[in-house]
Amino acid sequence: MCEVTRGIEEVGFSEFRRKIRAAEVLSAAMQRLLSDIRFNGKVSVVIQNGRVLKSGYEEGFFRQHPGT
């Protein structure tokens, strides 16, 4: 692999790690939706070869009833 390609991949992977650490992995629209429905749970995404292979969630979707 040439140095330029390796450098581009290193920069890209560094940006990927930064976004994961900063929790910048969901679009703003998805974050709003999760907030609107007060979703509490786990969202998982499996990536293979740069494409989403599988996604899912574990429910923790509990709404607080007023007064409880």
N, C-alpha and C. Protein backbone atom coordinates (compact mmCIF):
# COMPACT_ATOMS: atom_id res chain seq x y z
N MET A 1 0.85 -1.16 0.00
CA MET A 1 0.00 0.00 0.00
C MET A 1 0.91 1.23 0.00
N CYS A 2 0.58 2.23 -0.79
CA CYS A 2 1.42 3.41 -0.87
C CYS A 2 1.21 4.29 0.36
N GLU A 3 2.18 5.18 0.63
CA GLU A 3 2.14 6.02 1.83
C GLU A 3 0.95 6.97 1.83
N VAL A 4 0.56 7.49 0.67
CA VAL A 4 -0.56 8.42 0.60
C VAL A 4 -1.85 7.72 1.03
N THR A 5 -2.08 6.53 0.50
CA THR A 5 -3.28 5.77 0.85
C THR A 5 -3.28 5.43 2.33
N ARG A 6 -2.13 5.00 2.84
CA ARG A 6 -2.01 4.66 4.25
C ARG A 6 -2.30 5.88 5.12
N GLY A 7 -1.79 7.04 4.72
CA GLY A 7 -2.03 8.28 5.46
C GLY A 7 -3.50 8.66 5.49
N ILE A 8 -4.17 8.50 4.34
CA ILE A 8 -5.61 8.80 4.26
C ILE A 8 -6.40 7.87 5.17
N GLU A 9 -6.04 6.58 5.17
CA GLU A 9 -6.73 5.62 6.02
C GLU A 9 -6.50 5.93 7.50
N GLU A 10 -5.28 6.32 7.86
CA GLU A 10 -4.97 6.65 9.25
C GLU A 10 -5.77 7.87 9.71
N VAL A 11 -5.86 8.88 8.85
CA VAL A 11 -6.64 10.08 9.19
C VAL A 11 -8.12 9.71 9.34
N GLY A 12 -8.63 8.91 8.42
CA GLY A 12 -10.02 8.48 8.49
C GLY A 12 -10.31 7.68 9.74
N PHE A 13 -9.40 6.76 10.09
CA PHE A 13 -9.62 5.95 11.29
C PHE A 13 -9.52 6.80 12.55
N SER A 14 -8.63 7.78 12.55
CA SER A 14 -8.53 8.70 13.69
C SER A 14 -9.82 9.48 13.87
N GLU A 15 -10.42 9.93 12.76
CA GLU A 15 -11.69 10.65 12.83
C GLU A 15 -12.80 9.72 13.32
N PHE A 16 -12.79 8.48 12.87
CA PHE A 16 -13.75 7.48 13.33
C PHE A 16 -13.65 7.30 14.85
N ARG A 17 -12.44 7.11 15.36
CA ARG A 17 -12.25 6.95 16.81
C ARG A 17 -12.71 8.18 17.57
N ARG A 18 -12.41 9.38 17.04
CA ARG A 18 -12.81 10.62 17.70
C ARG A 18 -14.33 10.70 17.79
N LYS A 19 -15.01 10.37 16.71
CA LYS A 19 -16.48 10.44 16.70
C LYS A 19 -17.09 9.42 17.66
N ILE A 20 -16.51 8.23 17.74
CA ILE A 20 -17.00 7.22 18.68
C ILE A 20 -16.83 7.72 20.11
N ARG A 21 -15.65 8.24 20.44
CA ARG A 21 -15.40 8.76 21.80
C ARG A 21 -16.32 9.92 22.14
N ALA A 22 -16.62 10.76 21.17
CA ALA A 22 -17.47 11.93 21.40
C ALA A 22 -18.96 11.60 21.27
N ALA A 23 -19.29 10.34 21.05
CA ALA A 23 -20.67 9.89 20.89
C ALA A 23 -21.36 10.59 19.72
N GLU A 24 -20.63 10.84 18.65
CA GLU A 24 -21.18 11.47 17.45
C GLU A 24 -21.47 10.41 16.39
N VAL A 25 -22.25 9.41 16.77
CA VAL A 25 -22.47 8.29 15.85
C VAL A 25 -23.87 8.24 15.28
N LEU A 26 -24.77 9.09 15.76
CA LEU A 26 -26.13 9.11 15.23
C LEU A 26 -26.40 10.45 14.57
N SER A 27 -27.22 10.43 13.56
CA SER A 27 -27.61 11.68 12.91
C SER A 27 -28.44 12.51 13.89
N ALA A 28 -28.50 13.80 13.65
CA ALA A 28 -29.29 14.69 14.49
C ALA A 28 -30.76 14.28 14.49
N ALA A 29 -31.27 13.85 13.33
CA ALA A 29 -32.67 13.44 13.23
C ALA A 29 -32.93 12.22 14.11
N MET A 30 -32.02 11.27 14.12
CA MET A 30 -32.19 10.07 14.94
C MET A 30 -32.11 10.43 16.43
N GLN A 31 -31.20 11.32 16.78
CA GLN A 31 -31.09 11.75 18.18
C GLN A 31 -32.37 12.44 18.64
N ARG A 32 -32.94 13.28 17.78
CA ARG A 32 -34.21 13.95 18.11
C ARG A 32 -35.33 12.93 18.31
N LEU A 33 -35.42 11.96 17.41
CA LEU A 33 -36.45 10.94 17.52
C LEU A 33 -36.31 10.16 18.82
N LEU A 34 -35.11 9.74 19.15
CA LEU A 34 -34.89 8.99 20.38
C LEU A 34 -35.25 9.83 21.61
N SER A 35 -34.93 11.12 21.54
CA SER A 35 -35.28 12.03 22.63
C SER A 35 -36.79 12.21 22.71
N ASP A 36 -37.44 12.39 21.57
CA ASP A 36 -38.89 12.61 21.54
C ASP A 36 -39.67 11.44 22.14
N ILE A 37 -39.22 10.23 21.87
CA ILE A 37 -39.92 9.06 22.42
C ILE A 37 -39.35 8.62 23.76
N ARG A 38 -38.38 9.38 24.25
CA ARG A 38 -37.73 9.10 25.54
C ARG A 38 -37.20 7.66 25.58
N PHE A 39 -36.53 7.29 24.52
CA PHE A 39 -35.98 5.93 24.42
C PHE A 39 -34.82 5.77 25.39
N ASN A 40 -34.88 4.72 26.17
CA ASN A 40 -33.77 4.31 27.04
C ASN A 40 -33.47 2.88 26.69
N GLY A 41 -32.32 2.64 26.16
CA GLY A 41 -31.97 1.28 25.77
C GLY A 41 -30.67 1.28 25.01
N LYS A 42 -30.46 0.24 24.29
CA LYS A 42 -29.21 0.05 23.56
C LYS A 42 -29.53 -0.10 22.08
N VAL A 43 -28.86 0.70 21.26
CA VAL A 43 -28.96 0.60 19.81
C VAL A 43 -27.64 0.03 19.32
N SER A 44 -27.70 -1.00 18.50
CA SER A 44 -26.47 -1.59 17.98
C SER A 44 -26.49 -1.63 16.47
N VAL A 45 -25.31 -1.44 15.88
CA VAL A 45 -25.16 -1.47 14.43
C VAL A 45 -23.92 -2.29 14.11
N VAL A 46 -24.07 -3.24 13.21
CA VAL A 46 -22.94 -4.06 12.77
C VAL A 46 -22.57 -3.60 11.37
N ILE A 47 -21.30 -3.24 11.19
CA ILE A 47 -20.79 -2.74 9.91
C ILE A 47 -19.83 -3.78 9.33
N GLN A 48 -19.99 -4.06 8.05
CA GLN A 48 -19.05 -4.94 7.35
C GLN A 48 -18.72 -4.30 6.02
N ASN A 49 -17.44 -4.15 5.75
CA ASN A 49 -16.96 -3.53 4.51
C ASN A 49 -17.57 -2.15 4.29
N GLY A 50 -17.72 -1.40 5.38
CA GLY A 50 -18.21 -0.03 5.28
C GLY A 50 -19.71 0.10 5.10
N ARG A 51 -20.44 -0.99 5.16
CA ARG A 51 -21.89 -0.94 5.00
C ARG A 51 -22.57 -1.53 6.24
N VAL A 52 -23.78 -1.05 6.52
CA VAL A 52 -24.54 -1.59 7.64
C VAL A 52 -24.99 -2.99 7.29
N LEU A 53 -24.54 -3.94 8.09
CA LEU A 53 -24.91 -5.34 7.88
C LEU A 53 -26.17 -5.68 8.65
N LYS A 54 -26.25 -5.15 9.88
CA LYS A 54 -27.37 -5.47 10.75
C LYS A 54 -27.51 -4.36 11.78
N SER A 55 -28.72 -4.08 12.18
CA SER A 55 -28.95 -3.12 13.27
C SER A 55 -30.09 -3.62 14.13
N GLY A 56 -30.11 -3.16 15.35
CA GLY A 56 -31.16 -3.58 16.25
C GLY A 56 -31.14 -2.74 17.52
N TYR A 57 -32.03 -3.10 18.43
CA TYR A 57 -32.07 -2.39 19.70
C TYR A 57 -32.54 -3.34 20.79
N GLU A 58 -32.17 -3.01 22.02
CA GLU A 58 -32.66 -3.71 23.19
C GLU A 58 -33.56 -2.74 23.91
N GLU A 59 -34.75 -3.18 24.20
CA GLU A 59 -35.71 -2.28 24.81
C GLU A 59 -35.34 -1.93 26.23
N GLY A 60 -35.47 -0.69 26.49
CA GLY A 60 -35.38 -0.12 27.80
C GLY A 60 -36.31 1.07 27.70
N PHE A 61 -37.31 0.91 26.86
CA PHE A 61 -38.21 1.98 26.46
C PHE A 61 -39.33 2.07 27.50
N PHE A 62 -39.08 2.84 28.53
CA PHE A 62 -40.06 3.00 29.59
C PHE A 62 -40.38 4.47 29.74
N ARG A 63 -41.63 4.79 29.69
CA ARG A 63 -42.05 6.18 29.88
C ARG A 63 -42.35 6.40 31.35
N GLN A 64 -41.87 7.50 31.86
CA GLN A 64 -42.20 7.91 33.22
C GLN A 64 -43.61 8.45 33.22
N HIS A 65 -44.47 7.88 34.00
CA HIS A 65 -45.82 8.41 34.15
C HIS A 65 -45.79 9.55 35.15
N PRO A 66 -46.52 10.62 34.89
CA PRO A 66 -46.55 11.74 35.84
C PRO A 66 -46.93 11.27 37.23
N GLY A 67 -46.19 11.77 38.22
CA GLY A 67 -46.49 11.43 39.60
C GLY A 67 -45.89 10.13 40.09
N THR A 68 -45.06 9.48 39.26
CA THR A 68 -44.43 8.24 39.73
C THR A 68 -42.96 8.41 39.85
